[in-house]
PDB file of N, CA and C in Angstrom:
ATOM      1  N   UNK A   1       0.162   8.566  20.723  1.00  0.00           N
ATOM      2  CA  UNK A   1       0.161   9.102  19.526  1.00  0.00           C
ATOM      3  C   UNK A   1      -0.710   8.446  18.629  1.00  0.00           C
ATOM      4  N   UNK A   2      -1.290   8.683  17.635  1.00  0.00           N
ATOM      5  CA  UNK A   2      -2.210   8.019  16.684  1.00  0.00           C
ATOM      6  C   UNK A   2      -1.628   7.558  15.569  1.00  0.00           C
ATOM      7  N   UNK A   3      -2.006   6.529  14.935  1.00  0.00           N
ATOM      8  CA  UNK A   3      -1.628   6.006  13.794  1.00  0.00           C
ATOM      9  C   UNK A   3      -2.371   5.793  12.860  1.00  0.00           C
ATOM     10  N   UNK A   4      -2.287   5.629  11.417  1.00  0.00           N
ATOM     11  CA  UNK A   4      -3.467   5.163  10.601  1.00  0.00           C
ATOM     12  C   UNK A   4      -2.870   4.748   9.262  1.00  0.00           C
ATOM     13  N   UNK A   5      -3.416   3.881   8.810  1.00  0.00           N
ATOM     14  CA  UNK A   5      -2.721   3.259   7.308  1.00  0.00           C
ATOM     15  C   UNK A   5      -3.773   3.090   6.658  1.00  0.00           C
ATOM     16  N   UNK A   6      -3.695   2.850   5.463  1.00  0.00           N
ATOM     17  CA  UNK A   6      -4.725   2.522   4.189  1.00  0.00           C
ATOM     18  C   UNK A   6      -3.951   2.105   3.118  1.00  0.00           C
ATOM     19  N   UNK A   7      -4.787   1.583   2.158  1.00  0.00           N
ATOM     20  CA  UNK A   7      -4.499   1.092   0.728  1.00  0.00           C
ATOM     21  C   UNK A   7      -4.769   2.253  -0.144  1.00  0.00           C
ATOM     22  N   UNK A   8      -3.903   2.789  -0.679  1.00  0.00           N
ATOM     23  CA  UNK A   8      -3.987   3.942  -1.687  1.00  0.00           C
ATOM     24  C   UNK A   8      -4.653   3.555  -3.039  1.00  0.00           C
ATOM     25  N   UNK A   9      -4.052   2.807  -3.524  1.00  0.00           N
ATOM     26  CA  UNK A   9      -4.293   2.040  -4.942  1.00  0.00           C
ATOM     27  C   UNK A   9      -4.034   0.884  -5.293  1.00  0.00           C
ATOM     28  N   UNK A  10      -4.455   0.319  -5.915  1.00  0.00           N
ATOM     29  CA  UNK A  10      -3.949  -1.338  -6.568  1.00  0.00           C
ATOM     30  C   UNK A  10      -3.653  -1.368  -8.051  1.00  0.00           C
ATOM     31  N   UNK A  11      -2.648  -1.764  -8.386  1.00  0.00           N
ATOM     32  CA  UNK A  11      -2.188  -1.866  -9.815  1.00  0.00           C
ATOM     33  C   UNK A  11      -1.977  -3.268 -10.299  1.00  0.00           C
ATOM     34  N   UNK A  12      -2.318  -3.457 -11.361  1.00  0.00           N
ATOM     35  CA  UNK A  12      -1.938  -4.880 -12.021  1.00  0.00           C
ATOM     36  C   UNK A  12      -0.386  -5.306 -12.313  1.00  0.00           C
ATOM     37  N   UNK A  13       0.231  -3.960 -12.684  1.00  0.00           N
ATOM     38  CA  UNK A  13       1.631  -3.904 -12.980  1.00  0.00           C
ATOM     39  C   UNK A  13       2.431  -3.358 -12.071  1.00  0.00           C
ATOM     40  N   UNK A  14       3.495  -4.366 -11.687  1.00  0.00           N
ATOM     41  CA  UNK A  14       4.496  -3.545 -10.501  1.00  0.00           C
ATOM     42  C   UNK A  14       5.328  -2.173 -10.946  1.00  0.00           C
ATOM     43  N   UNK A  15       5.561  -2.339 -12.058  1.00  0.00           N
ATOM     44  CA  UNK A  15       6.406  -1.000 -12.401  1.00  0.00           C
ATOM     45  C   UNK A  15       5.576  -0.023 -12.379  1.00  0.00           C
ATOM     46  N   UNK A  16       4.351   0.279 -12.765  1.00  0.00           N
ATOM     47  CA  UNK A  16       3.257   1.199 -12.398  1.00  0.00           C
ATOM     48  C   UNK A  16       3.036   1.592 -10.961  1.00  0.00           C
ATOM     49  N   UNK A  17       2.871   0.396 -10.275  1.00  0.00           N
ATOM     50  CA  UNK A  17       2.719   0.760  -8.610  1.00  0.00           C
ATOM     51  C   UNK A  17       4.045   1.247  -8.196  1.00  0.00           C
ATOM     52  N   UNK A  18       5.201   0.930  -8.619  1.00  0.00           N
ATOM     53  CA  UNK A  18       6.343   1.626  -7.986  1.00  0.00           C
ATOM     54  C   UNK A  18       6.421   2.860  -8.368  1.00  0.00           C
ATOM     55  N   UNK A  19       6.204   3.114  -9.621  1.00  0.00           N
ATOM     56  CA  UNK A  19       6.380   4.729 -10.022  1.00  0.00           C
ATOM     57  C   UNK A  19       5.286   5.510  -9.291  1.00  0.00           C
ATOM     58  N   UNK A  20       4.109   4.966  -9.071  1.00  0.00           N
ATOM     59  CA  UNK A  20       2.985   5.857  -8.173  1.00  0.00           C
ATOM     60  C   UNK A  20       3.491   5.797  -6.602  1.00  0.00           C
ATOM     61  N   UNK A  21       4.288   4.756  -6.279  1.00  0.00           N
ATOM     62  CA  UNK A  21       4.653   4.972  -4.882  1.00  0.00           C
ATOM     63  C   UNK A  21       5.719   5.951  -4.827  1.00  0.00           C
ATOM     64  N   UNK A  22       6.660   6.130  -5.864  1.00  0.00           N
ATOM     65  CA  UNK A  22       8.112   6.852  -5.814  1.00  0.00           C
ATOM     66  C   UNK A  22       7.355   8.330  -5.710  1.00  0.00           C
ATOM     67  N   UNK A  23       6.448   8.439  -6.856  1.00  0.00           N
ATOM     68  CA  UNK A  23       5.554   9.916  -6.851  1.00  0.00           C
ATOM     69  C   UNK A  23       4.994  10.417  -5.503  1.00  0.00           C
ATOM     70  N   UNK A  24       4.298   9.167  -4.727  1.00  0.00           N
ATOM     71  CA  UNK A  24       3.890   9.705  -3.522  1.00  0.00           C
ATOM     72  C   UNK A  24       4.714  10.168  -2.395  1.00  0.00           C
ATOM     73  N   UNK A  25       5.971   9.161  -2.287  1.00  0.00           N
ATOM     74  CA  UNK A  25       6.934   9.596  -1.347  1.00  0.00           C
ATOM     75  C   UNK A  25       7.668  10.800  -1.549  1.00  0.00           C
ATOM     76  N   UNK A  26       7.614  11.290  -2.895  1.00  0.00           N
ATOM     77  CA  UNK A  26       8.114  12.701  -3.149  1.00  0.00           C
ATOM     78  C   UNK A  26       7.203  13.520  -2.583  1.00  0.00           C
ATOM     79  N   UNK A  27       5.803  13.720  -2.754  1.00  0.00           N
ATOM     80  CA  UNK A  27       4.985  14.544  -2.470  1.00  0.00           C
ATOM     81  C   UNK A  27       4.682  14.384  -0.726  1.00  0.00           C
ATOM     82  N   UNK A  28       4.707  13.288  -0.230  1.00  0.00           N
ATOM     83  CA  UNK A  28       4.360  12.995   1.157  1.00  0.00           C
ATOM     84  C   UNK A  28       5.463  12.516   1.965  1.00  0.00           C
ATOM     85  N   UNK A  29       6.650  13.136   2.141  1.00  0.00           N
ATOM     86  CA  UNK A  29       7.765  12.514   2.514  1.00  0.00           C
ATOM     87  C   UNK A  29       7.653  12.189   4.039  1.00  0.00           C
ATOM     88  N   UNK A  30       6.613  12.549   4.808  1.00  0.00           N
ATOM     89  CA  UNK A  30       6.399  12.201   6.263  1.00  0.00           C
ATOM     90  C   UNK A  30       5.607  11.078   6.426  1.00  0.00           C
ATOM     91  N   UNK A  31       4.981  10.471   5.313  1.00  0.00           N
ATOM     92  CA  UNK A  31       4.281   8.851   5.326  1.00  0.00           C
ATOM     93  C   UNK A  31       5.344   7.920   4.808  1.00  0.00           C
ATOM     94  N   UNK A  32       5.119   6.752   5.361  1.00  0.00           N
ATOM     95  CA  UNK A  32       5.731   5.654   5.064  1.00  0.00           C
ATOM     96  C   UNK A  32       4.933   4.966   3.916  1.00  0.00           C
ATOM     97  N   UNK A  33       5.555   4.720   2.655  1.00  0.00           N
ATOM     98  CA  UNK A  33       4.708   4.271   1.505  1.00  0.00           C
ATOM     99  C   UNK A  33       5.537   3.266   0.803  1.00  0.00           C
ATOM    100  N   UNK A  34       4.602   1.996   0.548  1.00  0.00           N
ATOM    101  CA  UNK A  34       5.384   0.683   0.152  1.00  0.00           C
ATOM    102  C   UNK A  34       4.286   0.072  -0.680  1.00  0.00           C
ATOM    103  N   UNK A  35       4.839  -0.805  -1.522  1.00  0.00           N
ATOM    104  CA  UNK A  35       4.127  -1.504  -2.377  1.00  0.00           C
ATOM    105  C   UNK A  35       4.067  -2.901  -1.835  1.00  0.00           C
ATOM    106  N   UNK A  36       2.938  -3.659  -1.869  1.00  0.00           N
ATOM    107  CA  UNK A  36       2.470  -4.859  -1.243  1.00  0.00           C
ATOM    108  C   UNK A  36       2.080  -5.865  -2.414  1.00  0.00           C
ATOM    109  N   UNK A  37       2.794  -6.654  -2.776  1.00  0.00           N
ATOM    110  CA  UNK A  37       2.643  -8.082  -3.577  1.00  0.00           C
ATOM    111  C   UNK A  37       1.282  -8.786  -3.208  1.00  0.00           C
ATOM    112  N   UNK A  38       0.240  -8.718  -3.827  1.00  0.00           N
ATOM    113  CA  UNK A  38      -0.988  -9.296  -3.349  1.00  0.00           C
ATOM    114  C   UNK A  38      -0.874 -10.743  -3.870  1.00  0.00           C
ATOM    115  N   UNK A  39      -0.132 -11.294  -4.541  1.00  0.00           N
ATOM    116  CA  UNK A  39       0.104 -12.684  -4.774  1.00  0.00           C
ATOM    117  C   UNK A  39       1.315 -13.286  -4.062  1.00  0.00           C
ATOM    118  N   UNK A  40       1.502 -12.759  -2.878  1.00  0.00           N
ATOM    119  CA  UNK A  40       2.498 -13.468  -1.857  1.00  0.00           C
ATOM    120  C   UNK A  40       1.956 -13.157  -0.581  1.00  0.00           C
ATOM    121  N   UNK A  41       2.451 -13.769   0.474  1.00  0.00           N
ATOM    122  CA  UNK A  41       2.147 -13.913   1.822  1.00  0.00           C
ATOM    123  C   UNK A  41       1.885 -12.552   2.589  1.00  0.00           C
ATOM    124  N   UNK A  42       2.744 -11.702   1.892  1.00  0.00           N
ATOM    125  CA  UNK A  42       2.948 -10.140   2.287  1.00  0.00           C
ATOM    126  C   UNK A  42       1.382  -9.518   2.211  1.00  0.00           C
ATOM    127  N   UNK A  43       0.633  -9.990   1.407  1.00  0.00           N
ATOM    128  CA  UNK A  43      -0.707  -9.612   1.053  1.00  0.00           C
ATOM    129  C   UNK A  43      -1.485  -9.358   2.368  1.00  0.00           C
ATOM    130  N   UNK A  44      -1.157 -10.099   3.340  1.00  0.00           N
ATOM    131  CA  UNK A  44      -1.726  -9.961   4.638  1.00  0.00           C
ATOM    132  C   UNK A  44      -1.756  -8.595   5.387  1.00  0.00           C
ATOM    133  N   UNK A  45      -0.642  -7.720   5.048  1.00  0.00           N
ATOM    134  CA  UNK A  45      -0.386  -6.456   5.448  1.00  0.00           C
ATOM    135  C   UNK A  45      -1.573  -5.788   4.895  1.00  0.00           C
ATOM    136  N   UNK A  46      -1.939  -5.851   3.583  1.00  0.00           N
ATOM    137  CA  UNK A  46      -3.131  -5.137   2.935  1.00  0.00           C
ATOM    138  C   UNK A  46      -4.166  -5.526   3.291  1.00  0.00           C
ATOM    139  N   UNK A  47      -4.521  -6.833   3.790  1.00  0.00           N
ATOM    140  CA  UNK A  47      -5.767  -7.488   4.055  1.00  0.00           C
ATOM    141  C   UNK A  47      -5.970  -6.736   5.455  1.00  0.00           C
ATOM    142  N   UNK A  48      -5.188  -6.724   6.391  1.00  0.00           N
ATOM    143  CA  UNK A  48      -5.602  -6.112   7.485  1.00  0.00           C
ATOM    144  C   UNK A  48      -5.945  -4.850   7.425  1.00  0.00           C
ATOM    145  N   UNK A  49      -5.480  -3.838   6.639  1.00  0.00           N
ATOM    146  CA  UNK A  49      -5.925  -2.594   6.217  1.00  0.00           C
ATOM    147  C   UNK A  49      -7.468  -2.755   5.573  1.00  0.00           C
ATOM    148  N   UNK A  50      -7.471  -3.654   4.956  1.00  0.00           N
ATOM    149  CA  UNK A  50      -8.900  -3.679   3.955  1.00  0.00           C
ATOM    150  C   UNK A  50      -9.302  -4.874   3.700  1.00  0.00           C
ATOM    151  N   UNK A  51     -10.051  -5.682   4.589  1.00  0.00           N
ATOM    152  CA  UNK A  51     -10.477  -7.244   4.348  1.00  0.00           C
ATOM    153  C   UNK A  51     -11.054  -7.313   3.090  1.00  0.00           C
ATOM    154  N   UNK A  52     -11.578  -6.296   2.584  1.00  0.00           N
ATOM    155  CA  UNK A  52     -12.354  -6.701   1.138  1.00  0.00           C
ATOM    156  C   UNK A  52     -11.338  -7.013   0.064  1.00  0.00           C
ATOM    157  N   UNK A  53      -9.885  -6.861   0.458  1.00  0.00           N
ATOM    158  CA  UNK A  53      -8.890  -7.354  -0.752  1.00  0.00           C
ATOM    159  C   UNK A  53      -8.468  -9.024  -0.377  1.00  0.00           C
ATOM    160  N   UNK A  54      -9.214  -9.710   0.690  1.00  0.00           N
ATOM    161  CA  UNK A  54      -8.709 -10.871   0.614  1.00  0.00           C
ATOM    162  C   UNK A  54      -9.091 -11.790  -0.379  1.00  0.00           C
ATOM    163  N   UNK A  55      -9.949 -11.327  -1.296  1.00  0.00           N
ATOM    164  CA  UNK A  55     -10.203 -12.192  -2.455  1.00  0.00           C
ATOM    165  C   UNK A  55      -9.442 -11.961  -3.719  1.00  0.00           C
ATOM    166  N   UNK A  56      -8.559 -11.000  -3.528  1.00  0.00           N
ATOM    167  CA  UNK A  56      -7.581 -10.384  -4.843  1.00  0.00           C
ATOM    168  C   UNK A  56      -6.298 -11.205  -4.629  1.00  0.00           C
ATOM    169  N   UNK A  57      -5.837 -11.816  -5.537  1.00  0.00           N
ATOM    170  CA  UNK A  57      -4.700 -12.648  -5.364  1.00  0.00           C
ATOM    171  C   UNK A  57      -3.559 -12.142  -6.387  1.00  0.00           C
ATOM    172  N   UNK A  58      -3.912 -11.125  -7.355  1.00  0.00           N
ATOM    173  CA  UNK A  58      -2.999 -10.666  -8.534  1.00  0.00           C
ATOM    174  C   UNK A  58      -3.009  -9.261  -8.082  1.00  0.00           C
ATOM    175  N   UNK A  59      -1.772  -8.727  -8.387  1.00  0.00           N
ATOM    176  CA  UNK A  59      -1.731  -7.120  -8.344  1.00  0.00           C
ATOM    177  C   UNK A  59      -0.754  -6.801  -6.998  1.00  0.00           C
ATOM    178  N   UNK A  60      -0.716  -5.349  -7.211  1.00  0.00           N
ATOM    179  CA  UNK A  60      -0.074  -4.583  -6.160  1.00  0.00           C
ATOM    180  C   UNK A  60      -0.470  -3.458  -5.624  1.00  0.00           C
ATOM    181  N   UNK A  61      -0.755  -3.663  -4.217  1.00  0.00           N
ATOM    182  CA  UNK A  61      -1.320  -2.423  -3.490  1.00  0.00           C
ATOM    183  C   UNK A  61      -0.247  -1.563  -2.901  1.00  0.00           C
ATOM    184  N   UNK A  62      -0.588  -0.312  -3.126  1.00  0.00           N
ATOM    185  CA  UNK A  62       0.074   0.824  -2.498  1.00  0.00           C
ATOM    186  C   UNK A  62      -0.487   1.045  -0.992  1.00  0.00           C
ATOM    187  N   UNK A  63       0.505   1.007  -0.142  1.00  0.00           N
ATOM    188  CA  UNK A  63       0.124   1.072   1.203  1.00  0.00           C
ATOM    189  C   UNK A  63       0.802   2.501   1.718  1.00  0.00           C
ATOM    190  N   UNK A  64      -0.098   3.161   2.448  1.00  0.00           N
ATOM    191  CA  UNK A  64       0.429   4.580   3.282  1.00  0.00           C
ATOM    192  C   UNK A  64       0.424   4.629   4.557  1.00  0.00           C
ATOM    193  N   UNK A  65       1.471   4.648   5.345  1.00  0.00           N
ATOM    194  CA  UNK A  65       1.148   4.779   6.917  1.00  0.00           C
ATOM    195  C   UNK A  65       1.609   5.976   7.148  1.00  0.00           C
ATOM    196  N   UNK A  66       0.880   6.387   8.468  1.00  0.00           N
ATOM    197  CA  UNK A  66       1.325   7.757   9.074  1.00  0.00           C
ATOM    198  C   UNK A  66       1.246   7.538  10.661  1.00  0.00           C
ATOM    199  N   UNK A  67       1.835   8.515  11.249  1.00  0.00           N
ATOM    200  CA  UNK A  67       1.902   8.762  12.637  1.00  0.00           C
ATOM    201  C   UNK A  67       1.651  10.278  12.883  1.00  0.00           C
ATOM    202  N   UNK A  68       0.705  10.449  13.931  1.00  0.00           N
ATOM    203  CA  UNK A  68       0.790  11.567  14.351  1.00  0.00           C
ATOM    204  C   UNK A  68       0.285  11.890  15.656  1.00  0.00           C
ATOM    205  N   UNK A  69       0.048  13.025  16.081  1.00  0.00           N
ATOM    206  CA  UNK A  69      -0.203  13.588  17.488  1.00  0.00           C
ATOM    207  C   UNK A  69      -1.682  13.594  17.547  1.00  0.00           C
TER     208      UNK A  69
END
């Protein structure tokens, strides 16, 4: 089984990031979609997916994960 993940977008405002994540969850129900706070240690999840995010310490990244065959 193959797995893939990526950072969909980055927002400065958590509320806007959560709104987009909600819309994505409704449109893409088979994917795991969540918001990562780039100002906290959880930011390492996003950096693992996109090392260029290492310099960003503010904002919220929307992460999409999927599994498939």
